Amino acid sequence: MVYRSRSAFKLTELAEKDKLFRRGMTVVDLGAAPGSWCQVLRDRLGPQRKSSAADILPMTPLPGVLFVQADFSSDEGLAAVQSALGAARAELVLSDMAPNLSGIDSVDQAAERSSG
């Protein structure tokens, strides 16, 4: 399997260690782009699973994964995620979100001050 990012291996390791997954689960991935965790979910949970993903960034579609491009912290975004789940209730919520940083302290601190 070719994953969209290396973080897929982190999730796989955590899932094996902590027995996170059960086939057919309903799972929501918040901050899903670029989609590597969705790839792991799709493969590990089987065809009966319900996977929803949300991010403010775009994500290339994955078969079997319902993606919502929205800010789930807003009322509208949360409603879109809930709508994607339909009547199902999330059994597991995953997130690997982090702020977009340049790695240059002075630039990142200035951006933080201007957005706050």
N, C-alpha and C. Protein backbone atom coordinates (compact mmCIF):
# COMPACT_ATOMS: atom_id res chain seq x y z
N MET A 1 0.85 -1.18 0.00
CA MET A 1 0.00 0.00 0.00
C MET A 1 0.89 1.24 0.00
N VAL A 2 0.57 2.17 -0.84
CA VAL A 2 1.27 3.45 -0.88
C VAL A 2 0.37 4.47 -0.17
N TYR A 3 0.86 4.98 0.95
CA TYR A 3 0.09 5.94 1.73
C TYR A 3 0.41 7.37 1.31
N ARG A 4 -0.54 8.25 1.54
CA ARG A 4 -0.38 9.65 1.17
C ARG A 4 0.60 10.39 2.07
N SER A 5 0.82 9.89 3.28
CA SER A 5 1.82 10.47 4.17
C SER A 5 2.31 9.41 5.15
N ARG A 6 3.44 9.70 5.77
CA ARG A 6 4.04 8.75 6.72
C ARG A 6 3.22 8.59 7.99
N SER A 7 2.33 9.53 8.27
CA SER A 7 1.54 9.43 9.50
C SER A 7 0.67 8.17 9.52
N ALA A 8 0.43 7.56 8.36
CA ALA A 8 -0.33 6.31 8.31
C ALA A 8 0.36 5.23 9.13
N PHE A 9 1.67 5.21 9.11
CA PHE A 9 2.41 4.21 9.87
C PHE A 9 2.28 4.45 11.37
N LYS A 10 2.18 5.73 11.77
CA LYS A 10 1.97 6.07 13.17
C LYS A 10 0.62 5.53 13.64
N LEU A 11 -0.42 5.75 12.83
CA LEU A 11 -1.75 5.27 13.19
C LEU A 11 -1.79 3.75 13.24
N THR A 12 -1.17 3.10 12.29
CA THR A 12 -1.13 1.64 12.27
C THR A 12 -0.47 1.11 13.54
N GLU A 13 0.61 1.72 13.94
CA GLU A 13 1.33 1.31 15.15
C GLU A 13 0.47 1.50 16.40
N LEU A 14 -0.18 2.67 16.49
CA LEU A 14 -1.07 2.94 17.63
C LEU A 14 -2.24 1.97 17.67
N ALA A 15 -2.81 1.70 16.52
CA ALA A 15 -3.98 0.82 16.44
C ALA A 15 -3.63 -0.59 16.89
N GLU A 16 -2.48 -1.06 16.50
CA GLU A 16 -2.06 -2.41 16.90
C GLU A 16 -1.76 -2.47 18.38
N LYS A 17 -1.10 -1.45 18.89
CA LYS A 17 -0.73 -1.41 20.31
C LYS A 17 -1.96 -1.31 21.21
N ASP A 18 -2.88 -0.43 20.84
CA ASP A 18 -4.03 -0.15 21.71
C ASP A 18 -5.34 -0.79 21.27
N LYS A 19 -5.31 -1.62 20.24
CA LYS A 19 -6.52 -2.31 19.74
C LYS A 19 -7.65 -1.32 19.47
N LEU A 20 -7.35 -0.29 18.68
CA LEU A 20 -8.31 0.79 18.42
C LEU A 20 -9.45 0.40 17.50
N PHE A 21 -9.19 -0.51 16.57
CA PHE A 21 -10.16 -0.75 15.51
C PHE A 21 -10.92 -2.05 15.69
N ARG A 22 -12.14 -2.01 15.19
CA ARG A 22 -13.01 -3.18 15.10
C ARG A 22 -13.69 -3.10 13.74
N ARG A 23 -13.71 -4.18 13.01
CA ARG A 23 -14.30 -4.16 11.67
C ARG A 23 -15.73 -3.63 11.74
N GLY A 24 -16.05 -2.77 10.78
CA GLY A 24 -17.40 -2.22 10.67
C GLY A 24 -17.67 -0.99 11.52
N MET A 25 -16.67 -0.49 12.22
CA MET A 25 -16.85 0.69 13.07
C MET A 25 -17.24 1.93 12.27
N THR A 26 -17.85 2.88 12.96
CA THR A 26 -18.11 4.20 12.41
C THR A 26 -17.06 5.14 12.98
N VAL A 27 -16.27 5.73 12.10
CA VAL A 27 -15.12 6.54 12.52
C VAL A 27 -15.13 7.89 11.81
N VAL A 28 -14.75 8.92 12.54
CA VAL A 28 -14.61 10.26 11.98
C VAL A 28 -13.14 10.65 12.12
N ASP A 29 -12.58 11.15 11.03
CA ASP A 29 -11.20 11.64 11.02
C ASP A 29 -11.25 13.15 10.84
N LEU A 30 -10.90 13.88 11.89
CA LEU A 30 -10.90 15.34 11.85
C LEU A 30 -9.51 15.85 11.52
N GLY A 31 -9.44 16.78 10.59
CA GLY A 31 -8.13 17.24 10.10
C GLY A 31 -7.54 16.18 9.20
N ALA A 32 -8.34 15.64 8.31
CA ALA A 32 -8.01 14.43 7.56
C ALA A 32 -7.00 14.60 6.43
N ALA A 33 -6.91 15.77 5.82
CA ALA A 33 -6.01 15.93 4.67
C ALA A 33 -4.57 15.64 5.08
N PRO A 34 -3.83 14.94 4.28
CA PRO A 34 -4.07 14.54 2.90
C PRO A 34 -4.84 13.23 2.74
N GLY A 35 -5.12 12.51 3.82
CA GLY A 35 -5.98 11.34 3.73
C GLY A 35 -5.34 10.00 4.05
N SER A 36 -4.12 10.01 4.55
CA SER A 36 -3.46 8.72 4.82
C SER A 36 -4.15 7.95 5.95
N TRP A 37 -4.66 8.66 6.96
CA TRP A 37 -5.38 7.94 8.02
C TRP A 37 -6.67 7.35 7.47
N CYS A 38 -7.31 8.04 6.55
CA CYS A 38 -8.52 7.50 5.91
C CYS A 38 -8.19 6.23 5.13
N GLN A 39 -7.01 6.19 4.51
CA GLN A 39 -6.58 4.99 3.80
C GLN A 39 -6.45 3.81 4.78
N VAL A 40 -5.85 4.06 5.92
CA VAL A 40 -5.68 3.01 6.93
C VAL A 40 -7.06 2.54 7.41
N LEU A 41 -7.95 3.50 7.71
CA LEU A 41 -9.29 3.14 8.17
C LEU A 41 -10.01 2.29 7.15
N ARG A 42 -9.96 2.70 5.91
CA ARG A 42 -10.64 1.97 4.84
C ARG A 42 -10.15 0.53 4.77
N ASP A 43 -8.84 0.34 4.90
CA ASP A 43 -8.28 -1.00 4.80
C ASP A 43 -8.50 -1.84 6.06
N ARG A 44 -8.42 -1.23 7.22
CA ARG A 44 -8.50 -1.97 8.48
C ARG A 44 -9.92 -2.28 8.94
N LEU A 45 -10.87 -1.41 8.59
CA LEU A 45 -12.22 -1.56 9.13
C LEU A 45 -13.16 -2.34 8.23
N GLY A 46 -12.76 -2.59 7.01
CA GLY A 46 -13.55 -3.40 6.10
C GLY A 46 -14.66 -2.64 5.41
N PRO A 47 -15.36 -3.34 4.51
CA PRO A 47 -16.36 -2.68 3.66
C PRO A 47 -17.62 -2.23 4.40
N GLN A 48 -17.90 -2.77 5.57
CA GLN A 48 -19.11 -2.40 6.31
C GLN A 48 -18.92 -1.17 7.18
N ARG A 49 -17.72 -0.63 7.20
CA ARG A 49 -17.44 0.52 8.04
C ARG A 49 -18.06 1.77 7.42
N LYS A 50 -18.22 2.77 8.29
CA LYS A 50 -18.67 4.08 7.82
C LYS A 50 -17.58 5.06 8.22
N SER A 51 -16.92 5.65 7.23
CA SER A 51 -15.84 6.59 7.50
C SER A 51 -16.21 7.96 6.96
N SER A 52 -16.08 8.93 7.82
CA SER A 52 -16.26 10.32 7.43
C SER A 52 -14.98 11.06 7.77
N ALA A 53 -14.66 12.04 6.95
CA ALA A 53 -13.45 12.81 7.16
C ALA A 53 -13.78 14.28 6.95
N ALA A 54 -13.10 15.13 7.71
CA ALA A 54 -13.32 16.57 7.57
C ALA A 54 -11.99 17.30 7.70
N ASP A 55 -11.88 18.37 6.92
CA ASP A 55 -10.71 19.22 7.00
C ASP A 55 -11.04 20.54 6.33
N ILE A 56 -10.36 21.61 6.74
CA ILE A 56 -10.55 22.88 6.06
C ILE A 56 -9.77 22.90 4.74
N LEU A 57 -8.79 22.00 4.63
CA LEU A 57 -8.01 21.87 3.40
C LEU A 57 -8.69 20.87 2.47
N PRO A 58 -8.47 21.00 1.17
CA PRO A 58 -9.03 20.01 0.25
C PRO A 58 -8.33 18.66 0.40
N MET A 59 -9.03 17.60 0.02
CA MET A 59 -8.45 16.26 0.06
C MET A 59 -8.88 15.52 -1.20
N THR A 60 -7.94 14.89 -1.86
CA THR A 60 -8.26 14.07 -3.02
C THR A 60 -9.19 12.96 -2.57
N PRO A 61 -10.29 12.74 -3.29
CA PRO A 61 -11.27 11.73 -2.86
C PRO A 61 -10.66 10.33 -2.72
N LEU A 62 -11.23 9.59 -1.78
CA LEU A 62 -10.88 8.19 -1.57
C LEU A 62 -12.17 7.39 -1.67
N PRO A 63 -12.21 6.35 -2.47
CA PRO A 63 -13.41 5.52 -2.56
C PRO A 63 -13.82 5.01 -1.17
N GLY A 64 -15.09 5.16 -0.86
CA GLY A 64 -15.61 4.66 0.41
C GLY A 64 -15.44 5.59 1.59
N VAL A 65 -14.88 6.77 1.37
CA VAL A 65 -14.69 7.74 2.45
C VAL A 65 -15.46 9.01 2.09
N LEU A 66 -16.37 9.39 2.95
CA LEU A 66 -17.15 10.61 2.72
C LEU A 66 -16.38 11.78 3.31
N PHE A 67 -15.92 12.68 2.45
CA PHE A 67 -15.11 13.81 2.88
C PHE A 67 -15.94 15.09 2.88
N VAL A 68 -15.79 15.87 3.95
CA VAL A 68 -16.44 17.17 4.08
C VAL A 68 -15.35 18.21 4.20
N GLN A 69 -15.31 19.15 3.26
CA GLN A 69 -14.34 20.24 3.38
C GLN A 69 -15.02 21.36 4.15
N ALA A 70 -14.68 21.44 5.43
CA ALA A 70 -15.32 22.42 6.31
C ALA A 70 -14.50 22.55 7.58
N ASP A 71 -14.75 23.63 8.29
CA ASP A 71 -14.15 23.85 9.60
C ASP A 71 -15.11 23.28 10.63
N PHE A 72 -14.80 22.08 11.15
CA PHE A 72 -15.74 21.41 12.05
C PHE A 72 -15.92 22.16 13.36
N SER A 73 -15.05 23.15 13.65
CA SER A 73 -15.22 23.91 14.89
C SER A 73 -16.30 24.98 14.76
N SER A 74 -16.78 25.21 13.53
CA SER A 74 -17.89 26.14 13.33
C SER A 74 -19.21 25.36 13.38
N ASP A 75 -20.30 26.05 13.65
CA ASP A 75 -21.60 25.38 13.68
C ASP A 75 -21.92 24.72 12.35
N GLU A 76 -21.63 25.44 11.24
CA GLU A 76 -21.92 24.90 9.91
C GLU A 76 -21.07 23.67 9.61
N GLY A 77 -19.80 23.74 9.97
CA GLY A 77 -18.90 22.61 9.73
C GLY A 77 -19.29 21.40 10.54
N LEU A 78 -19.63 21.60 11.79
CA LEU A 78 -20.06 20.50 12.65
C LEU A 78 -21.34 19.87 12.10
N ALA A 79 -22.26 20.70 11.65
CA ALA A 79 -23.50 20.19 11.06
C ALA A 79 -23.20 19.36 9.81
N ALA A 80 -22.23 19.78 9.00
CA ALA A 80 -21.86 19.04 7.80
C ALA A 80 -21.27 17.67 8.16
N VAL A 81 -20.45 17.62 9.19
CA VAL A 81 -19.88 16.35 9.64
C VAL A 81 -20.99 15.45 10.16
N GLN A 82 -21.89 15.99 10.97
CA GLN A 82 -23.00 15.20 11.49
C GLN A 82 -23.89 14.69 10.36
N SER A 83 -24.13 15.53 9.36
CA SER A 83 -24.93 15.13 8.21
C SER A 83 -24.26 13.99 7.45
N ALA A 84 -22.94 14.05 7.33
CA ALA A 84 -22.21 12.98 6.64
C ALA A 84 -22.36 11.64 7.35
N LEU A 85 -22.48 11.68 8.67
CA LEU A 85 -22.67 10.45 9.44
C LEU A 85 -24.08 9.90 9.31
N GLY A 86 -25.02 10.76 8.98
CA GLY A 86 -26.41 10.32 8.92
C GLY A 86 -26.89 9.91 10.30
N ALA A 87 -27.56 8.78 10.37
CA ALA A 87 -28.09 8.30 11.64
C ALA A 87 -27.02 7.62 12.50
N ALA A 88 -25.87 7.34 11.91
CA ALA A 88 -24.81 6.64 12.64
C ALA A 88 -24.19 7.56 13.69
N ARG A 89 -23.71 6.95 14.74
CA ARG A 89 -22.99 7.68 15.79
C ARG A 89 -21.53 7.26 15.72
N ALA A 90 -20.65 8.23 15.82
CA ALA A 90 -19.22 7.93 15.76
C ALA A 90 -18.82 7.07 16.96
N GLU A 91 -18.13 5.99 16.67
CA GLU A 91 -17.60 5.12 17.72
C GLU A 91 -16.16 5.49 18.05
N LEU A 92 -15.52 6.18 17.11
CA LEU A 92 -14.13 6.59 17.30
C LEU A 92 -13.90 7.88 16.52
N VAL A 93 -13.27 8.85 17.16
CA VAL A 93 -12.90 10.09 16.49
C VAL A 93 -11.39 10.19 16.53
N LEU A 94 -10.80 10.35 15.36
CA LEU A 94 -9.35 10.46 15.23
C LEU A 94 -8.99 11.86 14.77
N SER A 95 -7.83 12.31 15.19
CA SER A 95 -7.35 13.60 14.72
C SER A 95 -5.84 13.66 14.85
N ASP A 96 -5.23 14.14 13.80
CA ASP A 96 -3.78 14.34 13.78
C ASP A 96 -3.51 15.79 13.37
N MET A 97 -4.37 16.69 13.85
CA MET A 97 -4.26 18.09 13.44
C MET A 97 -3.07 18.77 14.10
N ALA A 98 -2.50 19.67 13.34
CA ALA A 98 -1.43 20.52 13.85
C ALA A 98 -1.50 21.82 13.07
N PRO A 99 -1.07 22.90 13.67
CA PRO A 99 -1.08 24.16 12.92
C PRO A 99 -0.10 24.12 11.76
N ASN A 100 -0.41 24.86 10.73
CA ASN A 100 0.52 24.97 9.60
C ASN A 100 1.65 25.91 10.01
N LEU A 101 2.82 25.35 10.18
CA LEU A 101 3.98 26.12 10.61
C LEU A 101 5.07 26.06 9.56
N SER A 102 5.87 27.11 9.52
CA SER A 102 6.98 27.14 8.57
C SER A 102 8.24 26.50 9.15
N GLY A 103 8.31 26.43 10.47
CA GLY A 103 9.51 25.94 11.11
C GLY A 103 10.50 27.06 11.44
N ILE A 104 10.14 28.27 11.07
CA ILE A 104 10.98 29.44 11.37
C ILE A 104 10.27 30.21 12.48
N ASP A 105 10.85 30.19 13.68
CA ASP A 105 10.19 30.75 14.86
C ASP A 105 9.66 32.17 14.66
N SER A 106 10.49 33.06 14.13
CA SER A 106 10.07 34.46 14.01
C SER A 106 8.88 34.60 13.06
N VAL A 107 8.83 33.81 12.01
CA VAL A 107 7.71 33.86 11.06
C VAL A 107 6.45 33.28 11.71
N ASP A 108 6.58 32.12 12.37
CA ASP A 108 5.44 31.47 12.98
C ASP A 108 4.86 32.31 14.12
N GLN A 109 5.70 32.93 14.92
CA GLN A 109 5.22 33.76 16.02
C GLN A 109 4.52 35.00 15.50
N ALA A 110 5.03 35.60 14.44
CA ALA A 110 4.38 36.77 13.85
C ALA A 110 3.02 36.40 13.28
N ALA A 111 2.93 35.25 12.63
CA ALA A 111 1.65 34.80 12.06
C ALA A 111 0.65 34.53 13.19
N GLU A 112 1.12 33.97 14.29
CA GLU A 112 0.24 33.68 15.42
C GLU A 112 -0.29 34.98 16.02
N ARG A 113 0.58 35.97 16.18
CA ARG A 113 0.14 37.25 16.75
C ARG A 113 -0.87 37.94 15.84
N SER A 114 -0.69 37.87 14.54
CA SER A 114 -1.60 38.55 13.63
C SER A 114 -2.94 37.85 13.49
N SER A 115 -2.99 36.54 13.78
CA SER A 115 -4.26 35.82 13.67
C SER A 115 -5.02 35.79 14.98
N GLY A 116 -4.37 36.11 16.08
CA GLY A 116 -5.00 36.01 17.40
C GLY A 116 -5.67 37.24 17.76
